[in-house]
Amino acid sequence: MGFADAEALAWVYGRLLPAGEATLPLLDHGITVGDGVFEAIKVVRGQIFALSRHVRRMERSAAGLGLWFPGQDVVADAVRAVVAANRSLLTGPADVVRVTLTAGLGQIGSGRLPEARGNLFALVTSHDLAPETTTVITVPFCRNERGALTGIKSTSYAENALALARARAAGASEALFPNTAGQLTEGTGSNVFLAIGGQLVTPPLADGPLGGVTRDLLLEWTEAVEASLPVAALFEADEVFITSTTRNVQGVTAVDGRPVGGGVLGPVTRAAGEAFAAGQARTMDP
């Protein structure tokens, strides 16, 4: 769910303009080869959540790709400006501002131009609260835990789009990836947690998942730990849930059509959701 272009203003090149009028050069490397980084940041009834963490991660992602970065203050100001400009539209509990940094003008192929400076833009969208529970599938293609994009929130999302299309075709809302060693990593836009024998576990970053902001906060606000997990653990766990900026903590009731636990929201998942909600209520910039 999103706003009509006529309703929203976008922040582009340091100025605000109607989203429908925003453009990028056709030779921007973000368009031609998906060369860029981004963040999707939650806006809770007009208040930006975890802005500092998102901006810091964006800077790390840009550095990981060797991209020019305009500075944390510039990115944060862009986010604040587009939220302020659209304040009347941002009334929900889980709206989103997306801020993107492309590599800038480049060659038709993979070659970058050494003098290129990236294009930074931000736009807002409405977003419904995610349902309390969902179902997921696993996919056969894997994350490369040693790949150049590991740990980077890159705009190169074609693999995620393909996996998510498979999930939706199967009646699920998310797809989970193994890594090259067969260990569980993450979803197309989420991290995954398993409750096993009373212990809450999530795959470590060394196995290939992105360090999600919600994931990191749950590691701080609960007794969750990091540990490598085979994909098969999904079918043996007492509970499974996924986390993201737009999902918060969402229980998984089935994986590949097989019920998880009793096929209902479990107590560990519920407690994790309550811990996250309490942390968010304490501070909007943890």
C-alpha atoms as a PDB file:
ATOM      1  CA  MET A   1       0.000   0.000   0.000  1.00  0.00           C
ATOM      2  CA  GLY A   2       1.415   3.413  -0.935  1.00  0.00           C
ATOM      3  CA  PHE A   3       0.528   7.025  -1.497  1.00  0.00           C
ATOM      4  CA  ALA A   4      -0.498   8.324  -4.898  1.00  0.00           C
ATOM      5  CA  ASP A   5       2.297  10.306  -6.545  1.00  0.00           C
ATOM      6  CA  ALA A   6       0.202  13.471  -6.384  1.00  0.00           C
ATOM      7  CA  GLU A   7       0.002  13.215  -2.606  1.00  0.00           C
ATOM      8  CA  ALA A   8       3.630  12.680  -1.621  1.00  0.00           C
ATOM      9  CA  LEU A   9       6.772  14.768  -1.910  1.00  0.00           C
ATOM     10  CA  ALA A  10      10.139  13.157  -2.550  1.00  0.00           C
ATOM     11  CA  TRP A  11      13.574  14.477  -1.551  1.00  0.00           C
ATOM     12  CA  VAL A  12      15.831  14.421  -4.601  1.00  0.00           C
ATOM     13  CA  TYR A  13      19.135  16.209  -5.188  1.00  0.00           C
ATOM     14  CA  GLY A  14      18.609  18.236  -2.026  1.00  0.00           C
ATOM     15  CA  ARG A  15      15.162  19.551  -2.877  1.00  0.00           C
ATOM     16  CA  LEU A  16      11.558  18.480  -2.416  1.00  0.00           C
ATOM     17  CA  LEU A  17       9.328  17.839  -5.404  1.00  0.00           C
ATOM     18  CA  PRO A  18       6.248  15.747  -6.241  1.00  0.00           C
ATOM     19  CA  ALA A  19       7.204  12.085  -6.307  1.00  0.00           C
ATOM     20  CA  GLY A  20       5.730  11.706  -9.785  1.00  0.00           C
ATOM     21  CA  GLU A  21       8.193  14.274 -11.126  1.00  0.00           C
ATOM     22  CA  ALA A  22      11.325  12.711  -9.610  1.00  0.00           C
ATOM     23  CA  THR A  23      13.779  11.341 -12.171  1.00  0.00           C
ATOM     24  CA  LEU A  24      17.243   9.781 -12.418  1.00  0.00           C
ATOM     25  CA  PRO A  25      19.604   9.828 -15.424  1.00  0.00           C
ATOM     26  CA  LEU A  26      19.190   6.733 -17.602  1.00  0.00           C
ATOM     27  CA  LEU A  27      22.897   5.984 -17.224  1.00  0.00           C
ATOM     28  CA  ASP A  28      22.834   6.076 -13.438  1.00  0.00           C
ATOM     29  CA  HIS A  29      24.540   2.869 -12.317  1.00  0.00           C
ATOM     30  CA  GLY A  30      21.738   2.307  -9.830  1.00  0.00           C
ATOM     31  CA  ILE A  31      19.446   1.796 -12.831  1.00  0.00           C
ATOM     32  CA  THR A  32      21.727   0.017 -15.271  1.00  0.00           C
ATOM     33  CA  VAL A  33      23.340  -2.509 -12.914  1.00  0.00           C
ATOM     34  CA  GLY A  34      21.708  -2.040  -9.497  1.00  0.00           C
ATOM     35  CA  ASP A  35      24.836  -0.365  -8.126  1.00  0.00           C
ATOM     36  CA  GLY A  36      23.755   1.352  -4.930  1.00  0.00           C
ATOM     37  CA  VAL A  37      22.671   1.002  -1.319  1.00  0.00           C
ATOM     38  CA  PHE A  38      19.505   1.830   0.565  1.00  0.00           C
ATOM     39  CA  GLU A  39      17.695   1.830   3.880  1.00  0.00           C
ATOM     40  CA  ALA A  40      13.987   1.370   4.672  1.00  0.00           C
ATOM     41  CA  ILE A  41      13.226   3.212   7.895  1.00  0.00           C
ATOM     42  CA  LYS A  42      10.053   2.914   9.937  1.00  0.00           C
ATOM     43  CA  VAL A  43       7.978   5.989  10.713  1.00  0.00           C
ATOM     44  CA  VAL A  44       5.646   5.510  13.686  1.00  0.00           C
ATOM     45  CA  ARG A  45       2.841   8.073  13.524  1.00  0.00           C
ATOM     46  CA  GLY A  46       5.214  10.649  12.136  1.00  0.00           C
ATOM     47  CA  GLN A  47       8.218   9.736  14.320  1.00  0.00           C
ATOM     48  CA  ILE A  48      11.295   8.216  12.706  1.00  0.00           C
ATOM     49  CA  PHE A  49      12.483   4.999  14.377  1.00  0.00           C
ATOM     50  CA  ALA A  50      16.153   4.006  14.762  1.00  0.00           C
ATOM     51  CA  LEU A  51      17.395   6.671  12.337  1.00  0.00           C
ATOM     52  CA  SER A  52      20.950   6.679  13.682  1.00  0.00           C
ATOM     53  CA  ARG A  53      21.351   2.916  13.275  1.00  0.00           C
ATOM     54  CA  HIS A  54      20.013   2.991   9.731  1.00  0.00           C
ATOM     55  CA  VAL A  55      22.277   5.875   8.690  1.00  0.00           C
ATOM     56  CA  ARG A  56      25.340   4.191  10.189  1.00  0.00           C
ATOM     57  CA  ARG A  57      24.521   0.955   8.356  1.00  0.00           C
ATOM     58  CA  MET A  58      24.052   2.849   5.107  1.00  0.00           C
ATOM     59  CA  GLU A  59      27.504   4.357   5.471  1.00  0.00           C
ATOM     60  CA  ARG A  60      28.968   0.887   6.103  1.00  0.00           C
ATOM     61  CA  SER A  61      27.149  -0.469   3.046  1.00  0.00           C
ATOM     62  CA  ALA A  62      28.465   2.347   0.853  1.00  0.00           C
ATOM     63  CA  ALA A  63      31.988   1.750   2.125  1.00  0.00           C
ATOM     64  CA  GLY A  64      31.625  -1.965   1.424  1.00  0.00           C
ATOM     65  CA  LEU A  65      30.789  -1.185  -2.209  1.00  0.00           C
ATOM     66  CA  GLY A  66      33.432   1.523  -2.478  1.00  0.00           C
ATOM     67  CA  LEU A  67      30.821   4.202  -3.123  1.00  0.00           C
ATOM     68  CA  TRP A  68      31.095   7.912  -2.416  1.00  0.00           C
ATOM     69  CA  PHE A  69      29.026   8.720   0.681  1.00  0.00           C
ATOM     70  CA  PRO A  70      27.699  12.243   1.355  1.00  0.00           C
ATOM     71  CA  GLY A  71      27.940  11.960   5.143  1.00  0.00           C
ATOM     72  CA  GLN A  72      25.682  10.760   7.915  1.00  0.00           C
ATOM     73  CA  ASP A  73      24.298  14.242   8.578  1.00  0.00           C
ATOM     74  CA  VAL A  74      23.252  14.706   4.944  1.00  0.00           C
ATOM     75  CA  VAL A  75      21.417  11.377   4.856  1.00  0.00           C
ATOM     76  CA  ALA A  76      19.734  11.964   8.212  1.00  0.00           C
ATOM     77  CA  ASP A  77      18.661  15.465   7.143  1.00  0.00           C
ATOM     78  CA  ALA A  78      17.189  14.058   3.914  1.00  0.00           C
ATOM     79  CA  VAL A  79      15.131  11.552   5.883  1.00  0.00           C
ATOM     80  CA  ARG A  80      13.929  14.183   8.328  1.00  0.00           C
ATOM     81  CA  ALA A  81      13.076  16.590   5.516  1.00  0.00           C
ATOM     82  CA  VAL A  82      10.953  14.133   3.543  1.00  0.00           C
ATOM     83  CA  VAL A  83       9.147  13.019   6.696  1.00  0.00           C
ATOM     84  CA  ALA A  84       8.449  16.606   7.718  1.00  0.00           C
ATOM     85  CA  ALA A  85       7.199  17.458   4.236  1.00  0.00           C
ATOM     86  CA  ASN A  86       4.767  14.533   4.294  1.00  0.00           C
ATOM     87  CA  ARG A  87       3.750  14.777   7.938  1.00  0.00           C
ATOM     88  CA  SER A  88       0.020  14.860   7.150  1.00  0.00           C
ATOM     89  CA  LEU A  89       0.292  11.545   5.284  1.00  0.00           C
ATOM     90  CA  LEU A  90       2.406   9.731   7.866  1.00  0.00           C
ATOM     91  CA  THR A  91      -0.228   8.900  10.456  1.00  0.00           C
ATOM     92  CA  GLY A  92       0.108   5.123  10.674  1.00  0.00           C
ATOM     93  CA  PRO A  93       2.086   2.913  13.073  1.00  0.00           C
ATOM     94  CA  ALA A  94       4.367   1.459  10.406  1.00  0.00           C
ATOM     95  CA  ASP A  95       4.881   3.880   7.515  1.00  0.00           C
ATOM     96  CA  VAL A  96       8.246   3.777   5.765  1.00  0.00           C
ATOM     97  CA  VAL A  97      10.785   6.223   4.383  1.00  0.00           C
ATOM     98  CA  ARG A  98      13.176   4.724   1.869  1.00  0.00           C
ATOM     99  CA  VAL A  99      16.474   6.477   1.306  1.00  0.00           C
ATOM    100  CA  THR A 100      18.651   5.342  -1.597  1.00  0.00           C
ATOM    101  CA  LEU A 101      22.181   6.199  -2.690  1.00  0.00           C
ATOM    102  CA  THR A 102      23.144   5.176  -6.215  1.00  0.00           C
ATOM    103  CA  ALA A 103      26.659   4.971  -7.616  1.00  0.00           C
ATOM    104  CA  GLY A 104      25.863   7.848  -9.981  1.00  0.00           C
ATOM    105  CA  LEU A 105      26.577   8.056 -13.692  1.00  0.00           C
ATOM    106  CA  GLY A 106      28.397   5.015 -15.025  1.00  0.00           C
ATOM    107  CA  GLN A 107      29.039   2.996 -18.136  1.00  0.00           C
ATOM    108  CA  ILE A 108      26.383   0.831 -19.758  1.00  0.00           C
ATOM    109  CA  GLY A 109      28.194  -2.205 -18.364  1.00  0.00           C
ATOM    110  CA  SER A 110      29.722  -2.768 -14.950  1.00  0.00           C
ATOM    111  CA  GLY A 111      32.372  -0.060 -15.233  1.00  0.00           C
ATOM    112  CA  ARG A 112      32.086   2.926 -12.920  1.00  0.00           C
ATOM    113  CA  LEU A 113      33.234   6.420 -13.764  1.00  0.00           C
ATOM    114  CA  PRO A 114      35.977   7.443 -11.307  1.00  0.00           C
ATOM    115  CA  GLU A 115      34.648  10.983 -10.963  1.00  0.00           C
ATOM    116  CA  ALA A 116      31.018   9.913 -10.393  1.00  0.00           C
ATOM    117  CA  ARG A 117      29.150  11.076  -7.314  1.00  0.00           C
ATOM    118  CA  GLY A 118      26.074   9.176  -6.308  1.00  0.00           C
ATOM    119  CA  ASN A 119      22.491  10.348  -6.374  1.00  0.00           C
ATOM    120  CA  LEU A 120      20.733  10.439  -3.016  1.00  0.00           C
ATOM    121  CA  PHE A 121      16.957  10.432  -2.812  1.00  0.00           C
ATOM    122  CA  ALA A 122      14.265   9.666  -0.242  1.00  0.00           C
ATOM    123  CA  LEU A 123      10.560   8.941  -0.512  1.00  0.00           C
ATOM    124  CA  VAL A 124       7.795   7.877   1.829  1.00  0.00           C
ATOM    125  CA  THR A 125       5.154   5.178   1.564  1.00  0.00           C
ATOM    126  CA  SER A 126       2.285   4.018   3.708  1.00  0.00           C
ATOM    127  CA  HIS A 127       2.560   0.523   5.111  1.00  0.00           C
ATOM    128  CA  ASP A 128       0.043  -1.594   6.974  1.00  0.00           C
ATOM    129  CA  LEU A 129       0.984  -3.344  10.189  1.00  0.00           C
ATOM    130  CA  ALA A 130       2.100  -6.871   9.379  1.00  0.00           C
ATOM    131  CA  PRO A 131      -0.212  -9.678  10.525  1.00  0.00           C
ATOM    132  CA  GLU A 132       0.712 -11.354  13.797  1.00  0.00           C
ATOM    133  CA  THR A 133       1.674 -14.568  11.981  1.00  0.00           C
ATOM    134  CA  THR A 134       2.639 -15.682   8.496  1.00  0.00           C
ATOM    135  CA  THR A 135       3.950 -18.651   6.525  1.00  0.00           C
ATOM    136  CA  VAL A 136       7.266 -18.975   4.696  1.00  0.00           C
ATOM    137  CA  ILE A 137       9.021 -21.240   2.233  1.00  0.00           C
ATOM    138  CA  THR A 138      12.635 -22.235   1.707  1.00  0.00           C
ATOM    139  CA  VAL A 139      14.341 -21.792  -1.650  1.00  0.00           C
ATOM    140  CA  PRO A 140      17.059 -23.944  -3.241  1.00  0.00           C
ATOM    141  CA  PHE A 141      19.373 -21.127  -4.318  1.00  0.00           C
ATOM    142  CA  CYS A 142      21.719 -19.855  -1.652  1.00  0.00           C
ATOM    143  CA  ARG A 143      23.293 -16.802  -0.122  1.00  0.00           C
ATOM    144  CA  ASN A 144      27.052 -16.624  -0.590  1.00  0.00           C
ATOM    145  CA  GLU A 145      28.410 -15.972   2.884  1.00  0.00           C
ATOM    146  CA  ARG A 146      31.774 -15.056   1.314  1.00  0.00           C
ATOM    147  CA  GLY A 147      30.353 -12.895  -1.461  1.00  0.00           C
ATOM    148  CA  ALA A 148      31.154  -9.245  -2.104  1.00  0.00           C
ATOM    149  CA  LEU A 149      27.639  -8.159  -1.097  1.00  0.00           C
ATOM    150  CA  THR A 150      27.509 -10.069   2.183  1.00  0.00           C
ATOM    151  CA  GLY A 151      26.465  -7.707   4.969  1.00  0.00           C
ATOM    152  CA  ILE A 152      25.656  -4.901   2.517  1.00  0.00           C
ATOM    153  CA  LYS A 153      22.144  -3.551   1.984  1.00  0.00           C
ATOM    154  CA  SER A 154      22.548  -3.278  -1.753  1.00  0.00           C
ATOM    155  CA  THR A 155      19.942  -2.255  -4.318  1.00  0.00           C
ATOM    156  CA  SER A 156      20.828  -5.431  -6.257  1.00  0.00           C
ATOM    157  CA  TYR A 157      17.642  -7.228  -5.223  1.00  0.00           C
ATOM    158  CA  ALA A 158      16.770  -9.382  -8.240  1.00  0.00           C
ATOM    159  CA  GLU A 159      17.523 -12.598  -6.328  1.00  0.00           C
ATOM    160  CA  ASN A 160      15.212 -11.462  -3.537  1.00  0.00           C
ATOM    161  CA  ALA A 161      12.488 -10.529  -6.013  1.00  0.00           C
ATOM    162  CA  LEU A 162      12.672 -13.984  -7.588  1.00  0.00           C
ATOM    163  CA  ALA A 163      12.548 -15.766  -4.234  1.00  0.00           C
ATOM    164  CA  LEU A 164       9.674 -13.616  -2.994  1.00  0.00           C
ATOM    165  CA  ALA A 165       7.711 -14.312  -6.170  1.00  0.00           C
ATOM    166  CA  ARG A 166       8.116 -18.044  -5.480  1.00  0.00           C
ATOM    167  CA  ALA A 167       6.904 -17.526  -1.919  1.00  0.00           C
ATOM    168  CA  ARG A 168       3.815 -15.623  -2.998  1.00  0.00           C
ATOM    169  CA  ALA A 169       3.017 -18.215  -5.649  1.00  0.00           C
ATOM    170  CA  ALA A 170       3.063 -20.786  -2.833  1.00  0.00           C
ATOM    171  CA  GLY A 171       0.740 -18.669  -0.672  1.00  0.00           C
ATOM    172  CA  ALA A 172       3.527 -17.577   1.692  1.00  0.00           C
ATOM    173  CA  SER A 173       4.841 -14.089   2.456  1.00  0.00           C
ATOM    174  CA  GLU A 174       8.575 -14.743   2.714  1.00  0.00           C
ATOM    175  CA  ALA A 175      11.335 -17.037   1.441  1.00  0.00           C
ATOM    176  CA  LEU A 176      14.317 -18.187   3.515  1.00  0.00           C
ATOM    177  CA  PHE A 177      17.777 -18.857   2.085  1.00  0.00           C
ATOM    178  CA  PRO A 178      20.510 -21.345   2.983  1.00  0.00           C
ATOM    179  CA  ASN A 179      24.139 -20.382   2.514  1.00  0.00           C
ATOM    180  CA  THR A 180      26.685 -22.327   0.462  1.00  0.00           C
ATOM    181  CA  ALA A 181      27.295 -24.671   3.417  1.00  0.00           C
ATOM    182  CA  GLY A 182      23.583 -25.395   3.914  1.00  0.00           C
ATOM    183  CA  GLN A 183      23.234 -23.208   6.992  1.00  0.00           C
ATOM    184  CA  LEU A 184      20.176 -21.025   7.501  1.00  0.00           C
ATOM    185  CA  THR A 185      20.772 -17.332   6.765  1.00  0.00           C
ATOM    186  CA  GLU A 186      17.817 -14.941   6.252  1.00  0.00           C
ATOM    187  CA  GLY A 187      14.762 -14.074   4.211  1.00  0.00           C
ATOM    188  CA  THR A 188      14.438 -11.784   1.209  1.00  0.00           C
ATOM    189  CA  GLY A 189      13.917  -8.839   3.545  1.00  0.00           C
ATOM    190  CA  SER A 190      13.941 -10.315   7.017  1.00  0.00           C
ATOM    191  CA  ASN A 191      16.014 -12.068   9.643  1.00  0.00           C
ATOM    192  CA  VAL A 192      14.940 -15.345  11.186  1.00  0.00           C
ATOM    193  CA  PHE A 193      14.890 -16.540  14.810  1.00  0.00           C
ATOM    194  CA  LEU A 194      14.231 -20.041  16.136  1.00  0.00           C
ATOM    195  CA  ALA A 195      13.173 -21.102  19.628  1.00  0.00           C
ATOM    196  CA  ILE A 196      14.881 -24.392  20.409  1.00  0.00           C
ATOM    197  CA  GLY A 197      14.521 -25.932  23.847  1.00  0.00           C
ATOM    198  CA  GLY A 198      13.718 -22.563  25.387  1.00  0.00           C
ATOM    199  CA  GLN A 199      16.696 -20.812  23.769  1.00  0.00           C
ATOM    200  CA  LEU A 200      16.148 -18.115  21.153  1.00  0.00           C
ATOM    201  CA  VAL A 201      18.705 -18.399  18.327  1.00  0.00           C
ATOM    202  CA  THR A 202      19.431 -16.446  15.144  1.00  0.00           C
ATOM    203  CA  PRO A 203      22.106 -17.156  12.493  1.00  0.00           C
ATOM    204  CA  PRO A 204      25.384 -15.257  13.006  1.00  0.00           C
ATOM    205  CA  LEU A 205      26.506 -12.637  10.512  1.00  0.00           C
ATOM    206  CA  ALA A 206      29.401 -14.892   9.494  1.00  0.00           C
ATOM    207  CA  ASP A 207      26.851 -17.254   7.940  1.00  0.00           C
ATOM    208  CA  GLY A 208      25.670 -14.554   5.551  1.00  0.00           C
ATOM    209  CA  PRO A 209      22.598 -12.672   6.803  1.00  0.00           C
ATOM    210  CA  LEU A 210      22.363  -8.906   6.792  1.00  0.00           C
ATOM    211  CA  GLY A 211      22.555  -7.369  10.239  1.00  0.00           C
ATOM    212  CA  GLY A 212      18.975  -6.161  10.430  1.00  0.00           C
ATOM    213  CA  VAL A 213      18.161  -3.289  12.766  1.00  0.00           C
ATOM    214  CA  THR A 214      15.261  -5.182  14.343  1.00  0.00           C
ATOM    215  CA  ARG A 215      17.478  -8.268  14.658  1.00  0.00           C
ATOM    216  CA  ASP A 216      20.218  -6.316  16.392  1.00  0.00           C
ATOM    217  CA  LEU A 217      17.794  -4.687  18.817  1.00  0.00           C
ATOM    218  CA  LEU A 218      16.286  -8.049  19.740  1.00  0.00           C
ATOM    219  CA  LEU A 219      19.762  -9.378  20.492  1.00  0.00           C
ATOM    220  CA  GLU A 220      20.121  -6.446  22.911  1.00  0.00           C
ATOM    221  CA  TRP A 221      16.621  -6.548  24.386  1.00  0.00           C
ATOM    222  CA  THR A 222      16.154 -10.327  24.804  1.00  0.00           C
ATOM    223  CA  GLU A 223      18.244 -13.355  25.741  1.00  0.00           C
ATOM    224  CA  ALA A 224      18.623 -14.366  22.082  1.00  0.00           C
ATOM    225  CA  VAL A 225      22.004 -15.673  20.939  1.00  0.00           C
ATOM    226  CA  GLU A 226      23.729 -16.207  17.600  1.00  0.00           C
ATOM    227  CA  ALA A 227      24.491 -19.748  16.430  1.00  0.00           C
ATOM    228  CA  SER A 228      24.806 -21.555  13.118  1.00  0.00           C
ATOM    229  CA  LEU A 229      21.703 -23.546  12.245  1.00  0.00           C
ATOM    230  CA  PRO A 230      21.044 -26.033   9.461  1.00  0.00           C
ATOM    231  CA  VAL A 231      17.989 -25.295   7.336  1.00  0.00           C
ATOM    232  CA  ALA A 232      16.471 -28.487   8.741  1.00  0.00           C
ATOM    233  CA  ALA A 233      16.287 -26.794  12.143  1.00  0.00           C
ATOM    234  CA  LEU A 234      13.283 -24.870  10.825  1.00  0.00           C
ATOM    235  CA  PHE A 235      11.279 -28.102  10.884  1.00  0.00           C
ATOM    236  CA  GLU A 236      12.446 -29.133  14.345  1.00  0.00           C
ATOM    237  CA  ALA A 237      12.190 -25.816  16.191  1.00  0.00           C
ATOM    238  CA  ASP A 238       9.561 -25.179  18.845  1.00  0.00           C
ATOM    239  CA  GLU A 239       8.883 -21.762  17.306  1.00  0.00           C
ATOM    240  CA  VAL A 240      10.083 -19.689  14.363  1.00  0.00           C
ATOM    241  CA  PHE A 241       9.663 -15.990  13.748  1.00  0.00           C
ATOM    242  CA  ILE A 242      10.973 -13.426  11.294  1.00  0.00           C
ATOM    243  CA  THR A 243      11.890  -9.802  11.918  1.00  0.00           C
ATOM    244  CA  SER A 244      12.253  -6.662   9.836  1.00  0.00           C
ATOM    245  CA  THR A 245      11.519  -2.948   9.887  1.00  0.00           C
ATOM    246  CA  THR A 246       8.024  -3.524   8.520  1.00  0.00           C
ATOM    247  CA  ARG A 247       7.276  -6.859  10.206  1.00  0.00           C
ATOM    248  CA  ASN A 248       8.667  -6.135  13.690  1.00  0.00           C
ATOM    249  CA  VAL A 249       8.383  -9.646  15.229  1.00  0.00           C
ATOM    250  CA  GLN A 250       6.141 -11.908  13.127  1.00  0.00           C
ATOM    251  CA  GLY A 251       5.438 -15.491  14.078  1.00  0.00           C
ATOM    252  CA  VAL A 252       5.830 -18.241  11.463  1.00  0.00           C
ATOM    253  CA  THR A 253       3.145 -20.916  11.640  1.00  0.00           C
ATOM    254  CA  ALA A 254       4.335 -23.060   8.718  1.00  0.00           C
ATOM    255  CA  VAL A 255       7.485 -23.610   6.653  1.00  0.00           C
ATOM    256  CA  ASP A 256       7.059 -25.199   3.217  1.00  0.00           C
ATOM    257  CA  GLY A 257       3.526 -26.075   4.237  1.00  0.00           C
ATOM    258  CA  ARG A 258       4.618 -27.941   7.374  1.00  0.00           C
ATOM    259  CA  PRO A 259       3.286 -26.543  10.677  1.00  0.00           C
ATOM    260  CA  VAL A 260       5.765 -25.048  13.131  1.00  0.00           C
ATOM    261  CA  GLY A 261       5.052 -26.016  16.729  1.00  0.00           C
ATOM    262  CA  GLY A 262       1.304 -26.027  17.116  1.00  0.00           C
ATOM    263  CA  GLY A 263       0.782 -23.843  14.050  1.00  0.00           C
ATOM    264  CA  VAL A 264      -0.082 -20.852  16.233  1.00  0.00           C
ATOM    265  CA  LEU A 265       1.793 -17.930  17.771  1.00  0.00           C
ATOM    266  CA  GLY A 266       4.040 -19.353  20.488  1.00  0.00           C
ATOM    267  CA  PRO A 267       4.953 -17.912  23.899  1.00  0.00           C
ATOM    268  CA  VAL A 268       8.607 -17.205  23.039  1.00  0.00           C
ATOM    269  CA  THR A 269       7.596 -15.310  19.916  1.00  0.00           C
ATOM    270  CA  ARG A 270       4.966 -13.377  21.842  1.00  0.00           C
ATOM    271  CA  ALA A 271       7.501 -12.451  24.530  1.00  0.00           C
ATOM    272  CA  ALA A 272      10.007 -11.305  21.895  1.00  0.00           C
ATOM    273  CA  GLY A 273       7.343  -9.139  20.285  1.00  0.00           C
ATOM    274  CA  GLU A 274       6.474  -7.602  23.623  1.00  0.00           C
ATOM    275  CA  ALA A 275      10.147  -6.925  24.374  1.00  0.00           C
ATOM    276  CA  PHE A 276      10.567  -5.189  21.032  1.00  0.00           C
ATOM    277  CA  ALA A 277       7.412  -3.102  21.487  1.00  0.00           C
ATOM    278  CA  ALA A 278       8.560  -2.058  24.938  1.00  0.00           C
ATOM    279  CA  GLY A 279      11.978  -1.057  23.621  1.00  0.00           C
ATOM    280  CA  GLN A 280      10.440   0.979  20.825  1.00  0.00           C
ATOM    281  CA  ALA A 281       8.173   2.715  23.335  1.00  0.00           C
ATOM    282  CA  ARG A 282      11.200   3.687  25.462  1.00  0.00           C
ATOM    283  CA  THR A 283      13.069   5.458  22.690  1.00  0.00           C
ATOM    284  CA  MET A 284      12.650   6.202  19.013  1.00  0.00           C
ATOM    285  CA  ASP A 285      16.399   6.256  18.365  1.00  0.00           C
ATOM    286  CA  PRO A 286      17.854   3.297  20.278  1.00  0.00           C
END
